[in-house]
Amino acid sequence: MIRVAIYARFSSDLQNDKSVDDQIAFCREVCARNGMTVVLTFEDRAVSASSAKNRPGFIALMRAAAARLFDVVVAEDMDRIFRDQADYHAARKELDFLGITIHTAPGKVTKIDGALRALMGGMYLENLALHVRRGLEGVIRDGRHAGGRAYGYSIVPGSPGELVIDDAQAKIVQRIFARFVAGVTPRAIAAELNADRIAAPRGTRWNASTIKGNNARGHGMLLNELYPAVSSGTRCGWSRIRPRANGSRELIRRSNIELPRRRNCASSMM
């Protein structure tokens, strides 16, 4: 009996989650036609193949291989398993040592074919990253928002990067800044919002990190340039907050920073 481990993966949460189930069903058909018996299945959902280290399913597959629990790995296509040459060669060396072969729909994957497919997969990812980067640069150049959904704003349908102020959430943003400038800590502000049963950005409870964020990464409402903005014509100046001797804080506004024209500055929010 030839024991088979099936591996399935899809790379984005924008893709159909049923893709993994379809891949497994397809691989079972391949195994049945070739007289092989499926003993294990492994999967990674919404995970890129750019690195094996970030794929729990693949890591489990290699551990099972080391334990000699199967004889053949079957996947719909090579790019489901590898899109990085280093990962391919490292895994292939270990699988060859264990006597485990890799099969896809056309049949057994040779060393040369596998290496070429891994090379092509790596080139695809590099090219994709370049196009994504260029697209984001264009969005920023046009003065549009290149990030994800921002609390206090709504996305304009059919206009990527265009934001409009959500009046209800804008009042919460104003409240957060007003309380912080008055000297209230982010932890206390979060407790007040939770006590008033105000939904947090991700639908859970408010916490200090959501408000304060991380100075190094620029995360959090108080550090987000979308919020403390003042507008004058085509100029947007970002604010900063300076502590006072009495424990309160002063909102310092600057309007001498040249930035690309933004269709929707946050001036009306503040």
C-alpha atoms as a PDB file:
ATOM      1  CA  MET A   1       0.000   0.000   0.000  1.00  0.00           C
ATOM      2  CA  ILE A   2       1.318   3.419  -1.001  1.00  0.00           C
ATOM      3  CA  ARG A   3       0.466   5.863   1.775  1.00  0.00           C
ATOM      4  CA  VAL A   4      -0.318   9.422   0.715  1.00  0.00           C
ATOM      5  CA  ALA A   5      -0.362  12.750   2.502  1.00  0.00           C
ATOM      6  CA  ILE A   6      -2.357  15.426   0.685  1.00  0.00           C
ATOM      7  CA  TYR A   7      -1.351  19.076   1.011  1.00  0.00           C
ATOM      8  CA  ALA A   8      -3.693  21.925   0.052  1.00  0.00           C
ATOM      9  CA  ARG A   9      -3.358  25.693   0.377  1.00  0.00           C
ATOM     10  CA  PHE A  10      -4.825  28.981  -0.753  1.00  0.00           C
ATOM     11  CA  SER A  11      -3.063  32.255  -0.239  1.00  0.00           C
ATOM     12  CA  SER A  12      -5.567  35.020   0.494  1.00  0.00           C
ATOM     13  CA  ASP A  13      -8.630  35.605   2.633  1.00  0.00           C
ATOM     14  CA  LEU A  14     -10.074  37.228  -0.499  1.00  0.00           C
ATOM     15  CA  GLN A  15     -10.117  33.842  -2.200  1.00  0.00           C
ATOM     16  CA  ASN A  16     -12.754  31.168  -1.747  1.00  0.00           C
ATOM     17  CA  ASP A  17     -12.232  29.203   1.453  1.00  0.00           C
ATOM     18  CA  LYS A  18     -13.737  26.163  -0.310  1.00  0.00           C
ATOM     19  CA  SER A  19     -10.665  26.133  -2.557  1.00  0.00           C
ATOM     20  CA  VAL A  20      -8.864  23.914  -0.031  1.00  0.00           C
ATOM     21  CA  ASP A  21     -11.742  21.412   0.034  1.00  0.00           C
ATOM     22  CA  ASP A  22     -11.817  21.341  -3.760  1.00  0.00           C
ATOM     23  CA  GLN A  23      -8.055  20.729  -3.900  1.00  0.00           C
ATOM     24  CA  ILE A  24      -8.294  17.856  -1.427  1.00  0.00           C
ATOM     25  CA  ALA A  25     -11.165  16.283  -3.385  1.00  0.00           C
ATOM     26  CA  PHE A  26      -9.155  16.591  -6.609  1.00  0.00           C
ATOM     27  CA  CYS A  27      -6.077  15.016  -4.996  1.00  0.00           C
ATOM     28  CA  ARG A  28      -8.178  12.122  -3.674  1.00  0.00           C
ATOM     29  CA  GLU A  29      -9.318  11.436  -7.238  1.00  0.00           C
ATOM     30  CA  VAL A  30      -5.699  11.465  -8.426  1.00  0.00           C
ATOM     31  CA  CYS A  31      -4.739   9.006  -5.678  1.00  0.00           C
ATOM     32  CA  ALA A  32      -7.683   6.714  -6.467  1.00  0.00           C
ATOM     33  CA  ARG A  33      -6.727   6.576 -10.163  1.00  0.00           C
ATOM     34  CA  ASN A  34      -3.171   5.617  -9.249  1.00  0.00           C
ATOM     35  CA  GLY A  35      -3.997   3.044  -6.593  1.00  0.00           C
ATOM     36  CA  MET A  36      -2.654   5.125  -3.697  1.00  0.00           C
ATOM     37  CA  THR A  37      -4.259   5.366  -0.244  1.00  0.00           C
ATOM     38  CA  VAL A  38      -4.763   8.718   1.477  1.00  0.00           C
ATOM     39  CA  VAL A  39      -3.775   8.488   5.138  1.00  0.00           C
ATOM     40  CA  LEU A  40      -3.244  12.161   6.057  1.00  0.00           C
ATOM     41  CA  THR A  41      -4.325  15.599   4.859  1.00  0.00           C
ATOM     42  CA  PHE A  42      -2.665  18.918   5.643  1.00  0.00           C
ATOM     43  CA  GLU A  43      -3.860  22.399   4.774  1.00  0.00           C
ATOM     44  CA  ASP A  44      -3.026  26.092   5.098  1.00  0.00           C
ATOM     45  CA  ARG A  45      -5.869  28.530   4.579  1.00  0.00           C
ATOM     46  CA  ALA A  46      -5.235  32.170   3.604  1.00  0.00           C
ATOM     47  CA  VAL A  47      -1.461  31.704   3.867  1.00  0.00           C
ATOM     48  CA  SER A  48       1.113  32.665   1.244  1.00  0.00           C
ATOM     49  CA  ALA A  49       3.628  30.110  -0.006  1.00  0.00           C
ATOM     50  CA  SER A  50       6.394  32.723   0.091  1.00  0.00           C
ATOM     51  CA  SER A  51       7.793  31.195   3.289  1.00  0.00           C
ATOM     52  CA  ALA A  52       7.455  27.714   4.781  1.00  0.00           C
ATOM     53  CA  LYS A  53       7.980  29.123   8.282  1.00  0.00           C
ATOM     54  CA  ASN A  54       4.572  30.814   8.261  1.00  0.00           C
ATOM     55  CA  ARG A  55       2.600  27.702   7.244  1.00  0.00           C
ATOM     56  CA  PRO A  56       1.492  25.515  10.167  1.00  0.00           C
ATOM     57  CA  GLY A  57       0.043  22.905   7.822  1.00  0.00           C
ATOM     58  CA  PHE A  58       3.282  22.562   5.877  1.00  0.00           C
ATOM     59  CA  ILE A  59       5.318  22.372   9.083  1.00  0.00           C
ATOM     60  CA  ALA A  60       3.040  19.570  10.310  1.00  0.00           C
ATOM     61  CA  LEU A  61       3.478  17.811   6.957  1.00  0.00           C
ATOM     62  CA  MET A  62       7.269  17.812   7.302  1.00  0.00           C
ATOM     63  CA  ARG A  63       7.054  16.553  10.884  1.00  0.00           C
ATOM     64  CA  ALA A  64       4.848  13.675   9.750  1.00  0.00           C
ATOM     65  CA  ALA A  65       7.359  12.961   6.975  1.00  0.00           C
ATOM     66  CA  ALA A  66      10.177  12.789   9.521  1.00  0.00           C
ATOM     67  CA  ALA A  67       8.079  10.255  11.445  1.00  0.00           C
ATOM     68  CA  ARG A  68       7.710   8.265   8.198  1.00  0.00           C
ATOM     69  CA  LEU A  69       3.909   8.338   8.342  1.00  0.00           C
ATOM     70  CA  PHE A  70       3.487   8.417   4.545  1.00  0.00           C
ATOM     71  CA  ASP A  71       5.315   7.592   1.320  1.00  0.00           C
ATOM     72  CA  VAL A  72       4.077  10.229  -1.134  1.00  0.00           C
ATOM     73  CA  VAL A  73       3.027  13.892  -0.968  1.00  0.00           C
ATOM     74  CA  VAL A  74       0.240  14.802  -3.384  1.00  0.00           C
ATOM     75  CA  ALA A  75      -0.811  18.384  -4.186  1.00  0.00           C
ATOM     76  CA  GLU A  76      -2.951  19.922  -6.907  1.00  0.00           C
ATOM     77  CA  ASP A  77       0.059  21.821  -8.229  1.00  0.00           C
ATOM     78  CA  MET A  78       3.623  22.578  -7.175  1.00  0.00           C
ATOM     79  CA  ASP A  79       2.826  26.221  -6.411  1.00  0.00           C
ATOM     80  CA  ARG A  80       0.485  25.010  -3.667  1.00  0.00           C
ATOM     81  CA  ILE A  81       3.528  23.619  -1.854  1.00  0.00           C
ATOM     82  CA  PHE A  82       6.453  25.813  -2.905  1.00  0.00           C
ATOM     83  CA  ARG A  83       6.970  29.299  -4.272  1.00  0.00           C
ATOM     84  CA  ASP A  84      10.422  29.759  -2.819  1.00  0.00           C
ATOM     85  CA  GLN A  85      13.570  28.054  -4.067  1.00  0.00           C
ATOM     86  CA  ALA A  86      15.254  27.840  -0.677  1.00  0.00           C
ATOM     87  CA  ASP A  87      12.180  26.203   0.877  1.00  0.00           C
ATOM     88  CA  TYR A  88      11.885  23.777  -2.028  1.00  0.00           C
ATOM     89  CA  HIS A  89      15.500  22.631  -1.981  1.00  0.00           C
ATOM     90  CA  ALA A  90      15.576  22.264   1.818  1.00  0.00           C
ATOM     91  CA  ALA A  91      12.334  20.253   1.898  1.00  0.00           C
ATOM     92  CA  ARG A  92      13.226  18.231  -1.196  1.00  0.00           C
ATOM     93  CA  LYS A  93      16.565  17.220   0.330  1.00  0.00           C
ATOM     94  CA  GLU A  94      14.832  15.975   3.475  1.00  0.00           C
ATOM     95  CA  LEU A  95      12.058  14.182   1.580  1.00  0.00           C
ATOM     96  CA  ASP A  96      14.557  12.496  -0.750  1.00  0.00           C
ATOM     97  CA  PHE A  97      16.542  11.274   2.255  1.00  0.00           C
ATOM     98  CA  LEU A  98      13.343   9.798   3.695  1.00  0.00           C
ATOM     99  CA  GLY A  99      12.416   8.210   0.374  1.00  0.00           C
ATOM    100  CA  ILE A 100       9.260  10.331   0.011  1.00  0.00           C
ATOM    101  CA  THR A 101       8.244  11.523  -3.451  1.00  0.00           C
ATOM    102  CA  ILE A 102       6.129  14.502  -4.560  1.00  0.00           C
ATOM    103  CA  HIS A 103       3.252  14.055  -7.008  1.00  0.00           C
ATOM    104  CA  THR A 104       0.866  16.494  -8.697  1.00  0.00           C
ATOM    105  CA  ALA A 105      -1.886  15.874 -11.251  1.00  0.00           C
ATOM    106  CA  PRO A 106       0.518  15.107 -14.152  1.00  0.00           C
ATOM    107  CA  GLY A 107       2.460  12.631 -12.022  1.00  0.00           C
ATOM    108  CA  LYS A 108       5.733  12.402 -10.105  1.00  0.00           C
ATOM    109  CA  VAL A 109       7.667  15.661  -9.773  1.00  0.00           C
ATOM    110  CA  THR A 110      11.327  15.250 -10.755  1.00  0.00           C
ATOM    111  CA  LYS A 111      14.120  17.261  -9.141  1.00  0.00           C
ATOM    112  CA  ILE A 112      14.626  19.396 -12.239  1.00  0.00           C
ATOM    113  CA  ASP A 113      10.932  20.054 -12.768  1.00  0.00           C
ATOM    114  CA  GLY A 114      10.463  20.878  -9.096  1.00  0.00           C
ATOM    115  CA  ALA A 115      13.415  23.289  -9.108  1.00  0.00           C
ATOM    116  CA  LEU A 116      12.109  25.059 -12.225  1.00  0.00           C
ATOM    117  CA  ARG A 117       8.610  25.362 -10.778  1.00  0.00           C
ATOM    118  CA  ALA A 118      10.007  26.781  -7.511  1.00  0.00           C
ATOM    119  CA  LEU A 119      12.064  29.282  -9.523  1.00  0.00           C
ATOM    120  CA  MET A 120       9.008  30.333 -11.523  1.00  0.00           C
ATOM    121  CA  GLY A 121       6.967  30.633  -8.323  1.00  0.00           C
ATOM    122  CA  GLY A 122       9.582  32.892  -6.752  1.00  0.00           C
ATOM    123  CA  MET A 123       9.689  35.081  -9.849  1.00  0.00           C
ATOM    124  CA  TYR A 124       5.888  35.324  -9.805  1.00  0.00           C
ATOM    125  CA  LEU A 125       5.885  36.533  -6.186  1.00  0.00           C
ATOM    126  CA  GLU A 126       8.595  39.107  -6.910  1.00  0.00           C
ATOM    127  CA  ASN A 127       6.674  40.416  -9.912  1.00  0.00           C
ATOM    128  CA  LEU A 128       3.417  40.481  -7.933  1.00  0.00           C
ATOM    129  CA  ALA A 129       5.073  42.436  -5.113  1.00  0.00           C
ATOM    130  CA  LEU A 130       6.415  44.962  -7.633  1.00  0.00           C
ATOM    131  CA  HIS A 131       2.977  45.534  -9.152  1.00  0.00           C
ATOM    132  CA  VAL A 132       1.352  45.867  -5.717  1.00  0.00           C
ATOM    133  CA  ARG A 133       4.010  48.381  -4.644  1.00  0.00           C
ATOM    134  CA  ARG A 134       3.517  50.435  -7.793  1.00  0.00           C
ATOM    135  CA  GLY A 135      -0.234  50.379  -7.277  1.00  0.00           C
ATOM    136  CA  LEU A 136       0.091  51.631  -3.700  1.00  0.00           C
ATOM    137  CA  GLU A 137       2.509  54.351  -4.787  1.00  0.00           C
ATOM    138  CA  GLY A 138      -0.059  55.526  -7.316  1.00  0.00           C
ATOM    139  CA  VAL A 139      -2.774  55.625  -4.662  1.00  0.00           C
ATOM    140  CA  ILE A 140      -0.546  57.678  -2.347  1.00  0.00           C
ATOM    141  CA  ARG A 141       0.517  59.969  -5.196  1.00  0.00           C
ATOM    142  CA  ASP A 142      -3.135  60.724  -5.895  1.00  0.00           C
ATOM    143  CA  GLY A 143      -3.648  61.689  -2.244  1.00  0.00           C
ATOM    144  CA  ARG A 144      -5.799  58.655  -1.513  1.00  0.00           C
ATOM    145  CA  HIS A 145      -5.683  56.319   1.468  1.00  0.00           C
ATOM    146  CA  ALA A 146      -3.453  53.278   0.856  1.00  0.00           C
ATOM    147  CA  GLY A 147      -4.199  51.526   4.140  1.00  0.00           C
ATOM    148  CA  GLY A 148      -7.088  49.381   5.266  1.00  0.00           C
ATOM    149  CA  ARG A 149     -10.380  50.391   6.826  1.00  0.00           C
ATOM    150  CA  ALA A 150      -9.970  53.281   9.269  1.00  0.00           C
ATOM    151  CA  TYR A 151     -12.257  53.903  12.242  1.00  0.00           C
ATOM    152  CA  GLY A 152     -14.168  57.144  11.762  1.00  0.00           C
ATOM    153  CA  TYR A 153     -14.230  56.808   7.990  1.00  0.00           C
ATOM    154  CA  SER A 154     -16.206  54.905   5.380  1.00  0.00           C
ATOM    155  CA  ILE A 155     -14.855  53.645   2.095  1.00  0.00           C
ATOM    156  CA  VAL A 156     -16.422  55.097  -1.041  1.00  0.00           C
ATOM    157  CA  PRO A 157     -17.815  52.164  -3.078  1.00  0.00           C
ATOM    158  CA  GLY A 158     -16.091  51.848  -6.428  1.00  0.00           C
ATOM    159  CA  SER A 159     -13.394  54.402  -5.519  1.00  0.00           C
ATOM    160  CA  PRO A 160     -10.363  52.617  -4.005  1.00  0.00           C
ATOM    161  CA  GLY A 161      -8.526  54.793  -1.490  1.00  0.00           C
ATOM    162  CA  GLU A 162     -11.311  57.378  -1.220  1.00  0.00           C
ATOM    163  CA  LEU A 163     -12.601  57.949   2.306  1.00  0.00           C
ATOM    164  CA  VAL A 164     -15.537  59.920   3.672  1.00  0.00           C
ATOM    165  CA  ILE A 165     -16.118  60.730   7.319  1.00  0.00           C
ATOM    166  CA  ASP A 166     -18.518  58.521   9.248  1.00  0.00           C
ATOM    167  CA  ASP A 167     -20.368  61.056  11.402  1.00  0.00           C
ATOM    168  CA  ALA A 168     -21.240  58.658  14.217  1.00  0.00           C
ATOM    169  CA  GLN A 169     -17.727  57.278  14.574  1.00  0.00           C
ATOM    170  CA  ALA A 170     -16.195  60.736  14.109  1.00  0.00           C
ATOM    171  CA  LYS A 171     -17.856  61.823  17.355  1.00  0.00           C
ATOM    172  CA  ILE A 172     -16.104  58.956  19.150  1.00  0.00           C
ATOM    173  CA  VAL A 173     -12.747  60.001  17.661  1.00  0.00           C
ATOM    174  CA  GLN A 174     -13.348  63.580  18.813  1.00  0.00           C
ATOM    175  CA  ARG A 175     -14.217  62.314  22.273  1.00  0.00           C
ATOM    176  CA  ILE A 176     -11.031  60.231  22.491  1.00  0.00           C
ATOM    177  CA  PHE A 177      -8.783  63.156  21.553  1.00  0.00           C
ATOM    178  CA  ALA A 178     -10.629  65.564  23.851  1.00  0.00           C
ATOM    179  CA  ARG A 179     -10.301  63.199  26.808  1.00  0.00           C
ATOM    180  CA  PHE A 180      -6.626  62.541  26.102  1.00  0.00           C
ATOM    181  CA  VAL A 181      -5.824  66.251  25.796  1.00  0.00           C
ATOM    182  CA  ALA A 182      -7.598  66.724  29.136  1.00  0.00           C
ATOM    183  CA  GLY A 183      -5.097  64.344  30.734  1.00  0.00           C
ATOM    184  CA  VAL A 184      -7.087  61.105  30.794  1.00  0.00           C
ATOM    185  CA  THR A 185      -4.976  57.992  30.140  1.00  0.00           C
ATOM    186  CA  PRO A 186      -5.675  55.711  27.155  1.00  0.00           C
ATOM    187  CA  ARG A 187      -6.548  52.887  29.563  1.00  0.00           C
ATOM    188  CA  ALA A 188      -9.136  55.058  31.323  1.00  0.00           C
ATOM    189  CA  ILE A 189     -10.550  56.265  27.983  1.00  0.00           C
ATOM    190  CA  ALA A 190     -10.920  52.662  26.839  1.00  0.00           C
ATOM    191  CA  ALA A 191     -12.723  51.777  30.071  1.00  0.00           C
ATOM    192  CA  GLU A 192     -15.136  54.678  29.570  1.00  0.00           C
ATOM    193  CA  LEU A 193     -15.936  53.609  26.011  1.00  0.00           C
ATOM    194  CA  ASN A 194     -16.511  50.018  27.094  1.00  0.00           C
ATOM    195  CA  ALA A 195     -18.738  51.179  29.960  1.00  0.00           C
ATOM    196  CA  ASP A 196     -20.828  53.130  27.453  1.00  0.00           C
ATOM    197  CA  ARG A 197     -20.989  50.004  25.243  1.00  0.00           C
ATOM    198  CA  ILE A 198     -19.433  51.704  22.247  1.00  0.00           C
ATOM    199  CA  ALA A 199     -18.267  49.185  19.669  1.00  0.00           C
ATOM    200  CA  ALA A 200     -14.511  49.071  19.148  1.00  0.00           C
ATOM    201  CA  PRO A 201     -12.934  49.242  15.651  1.00  0.00           C
ATOM    202  CA  ARG A 202     -12.706  45.462  15.357  1.00  0.00           C
ATOM    203  CA  GLY A 203     -15.990  44.770  17.090  1.00  0.00           C
ATOM    204  CA  THR A 204     -14.414  43.701  20.369  1.00  0.00           C
ATOM    205  CA  ARG A 205     -13.609  45.741  23.475  1.00  0.00           C
ATOM    206  CA  TRP A 206     -11.592  48.932  23.514  1.00  0.00           C
ATOM    207  CA  ASN A 207      -8.134  48.726  25.054  1.00  0.00           C
ATOM    208  CA  ALA A 208      -5.284  51.148  25.663  1.00  0.00           C
ATOM    209  CA  SER A 209      -3.222  49.912  22.713  1.00  0.00           C
ATOM    210  CA  THR A 210      -6.067  50.654  20.288  1.00  0.00           C
ATOM    211  CA  ILE A 211      -5.940  54.279  21.384  1.00  0.00           C
ATOM    212  CA  LYS A 212      -2.273  54.800  22.190  1.00  0.00           C
ATOM    213  CA  GLY A 213      -0.738  52.389  19.692  1.00  0.00           C
ATOM    214  CA  ASN A 214       2.962  51.833  19.179  1.00  0.00           C
ATOM    215  CA  ASN A 215       5.344  54.775  18.796  1.00  0.00           C
ATOM    216  CA  ALA A 216       7.841  52.813  16.717  1.00  0.00           C
ATOM    217  CA  ARG A 217       5.240  51.526  14.267  1.00  0.00           C
ATOM    218  CA  GLY A 218       2.934  54.550  14.278  1.00  0.00           C
ATOM    219  CA  HIS A 219      -0.105  52.475  15.170  1.00  0.00           C
ATOM    220  CA  GLY A 220      -3.063  53.611  17.268  1.00  0.00           C
ATOM    221  CA  MET A 221      -5.534  56.466  16.980  1.00  0.00           C
ATOM    222  CA  LEU A 222      -3.361  59.055  18.694  1.00  0.00           C
ATOM    223  CA  LEU A 223      -0.535  58.408  16.220  1.00  0.00           C
ATOM    224  CA  ASN A 224      -2.642  57.982  13.096  1.00  0.00           C
ATOM    225  CA  GLU A 225      -2.238  60.862  10.654  1.00  0.00           C
ATOM    226  CA  LEU A 226      -5.788  60.389   9.400  1.00  0.00           C
ATOM    227  CA  TYR A 227      -7.212  61.934  12.562  1.00  0.00           C
ATOM    228  CA  PRO A 228      -5.449  65.047  13.911  1.00  0.00           C
ATOM    229  CA  ALA A 229      -5.335  66.974  10.644  1.00  0.00           C
ATOM    230  CA  VAL A 230      -5.943  70.625   9.809  1.00  0.00           C
ATOM    231  CA  SER A 231      -6.541  71.716   6.264  1.00  0.00           C
ATOM    232  CA  SER A 232      -5.790  74.920   4.389  1.00  0.00           C
ATOM    233  CA  GLY A 233      -6.305  74.743   0.649  1.00  0.00           C
ATOM    234  CA  THR A 234      -4.036  71.977  -0.584  1.00  0.00           C
ATOM    235  CA  ARG A 235      -2.069  71.765   2.672  1.00  0.00           C
ATOM    236  CA  CYS A 236      -2.636  69.341   5.472  1.00  0.00           C
ATOM    237  CA  GLY A 237      -0.700  69.736   8.702  1.00  0.00           C
ATOM    238  CA  TRP A 238      -0.485  66.922  11.207  1.00  0.00           C
ATOM    239  CA  SER A 239      -0.888  67.672  14.895  1.00  0.00           C
ATOM    240  CA  ARG A 240       1.093  66.466  17.868  1.00  0.00           C
ATOM    241  CA  ILE A 241       0.261  66.417  21.551  1.00  0.00           C
ATOM    242  CA  ARG A 242       2.520  68.074  24.135  1.00  0.00           C
ATOM    243  CA  PRO A 243       2.156  67.396  27.899  1.00  0.00           C
ATOM    244  CA  ARG A 244       1.599  70.338  30.249  1.00  0.00           C
ATOM    245  CA  ALA A 245       3.013  70.757  33.736  1.00  0.00           C
ATOM    246  CA  ASN A 246      -0.424  70.296  35.357  1.00  0.00           C
ATOM    247  CA  GLY A 247      -0.882  66.850  33.814  1.00  0.00           C
ATOM    248  CA  SER A 248      -3.133  67.878  30.943  1.00  0.00           C
ATOM    249  CA  ARG A 249      -2.037  67.910  27.310  1.00  0.00           C
ATOM    250  CA  GLU A 250      -1.924  70.573  24.626  1.00  0.00           C
ATOM    251  CA  LEU A 251      -2.800  69.857  20.994  1.00  0.00           C
ATOM    252  CA  ILE A 252      -0.102  71.476  18.837  1.00  0.00           C
ATOM    253  CA  ARG A 253      -1.160  72.006  15.247  1.00  0.00           C
ATOM    254  CA  ARG A 254       1.240  72.509  12.379  1.00  0.00           C
ATOM    255  CA  SER A 255       0.172  73.690   8.923  1.00  0.00           C
ATOM    256  CA  ASN A 256       3.548  74.107   7.244  1.00  0.00           C
ATOM    257  CA  ILE A 257       3.909  70.555   5.966  1.00  0.00           C
ATOM    258  CA  GLU A 258       3.497  70.054   2.242  1.00  0.00           C
ATOM    259  CA  LEU A 259       1.601  66.858   1.501  1.00  0.00           C
ATOM    260  CA  PRO A 260      -0.149  65.576  -1.635  1.00  0.00           C
ATOM    261  CA  ARG A 261      -3.630  66.954  -2.059  1.00  0.00           C
ATOM    262  CA  ARG A 262      -6.181  64.837  -0.188  1.00  0.00           C
ATOM    263  CA  ARG A 263      -9.771  64.753  -1.328  1.00  0.00           C
ATOM    264  CA  ASN A 264     -10.953  64.036   2.198  1.00  0.00           C
ATOM    265  CA  CYS A 265      -8.758  65.508   4.930  1.00  0.00           C
ATOM    266  CA  ALA A 266      -9.813  64.898   8.492  1.00  0.00           C
ATOM    267  CA  SER A 267     -10.151  68.579   9.331  1.00  0.00           C
ATOM    268  CA  SER A 268     -13.916  68.426   9.684  1.00  0.00           C
ATOM    269  CA  MET A 269     -13.534  65.491  12.049  1.00  0.00           C
ATOM    270  CA  MET A 270     -11.400  67.391  14.522  1.00  0.00           C
END
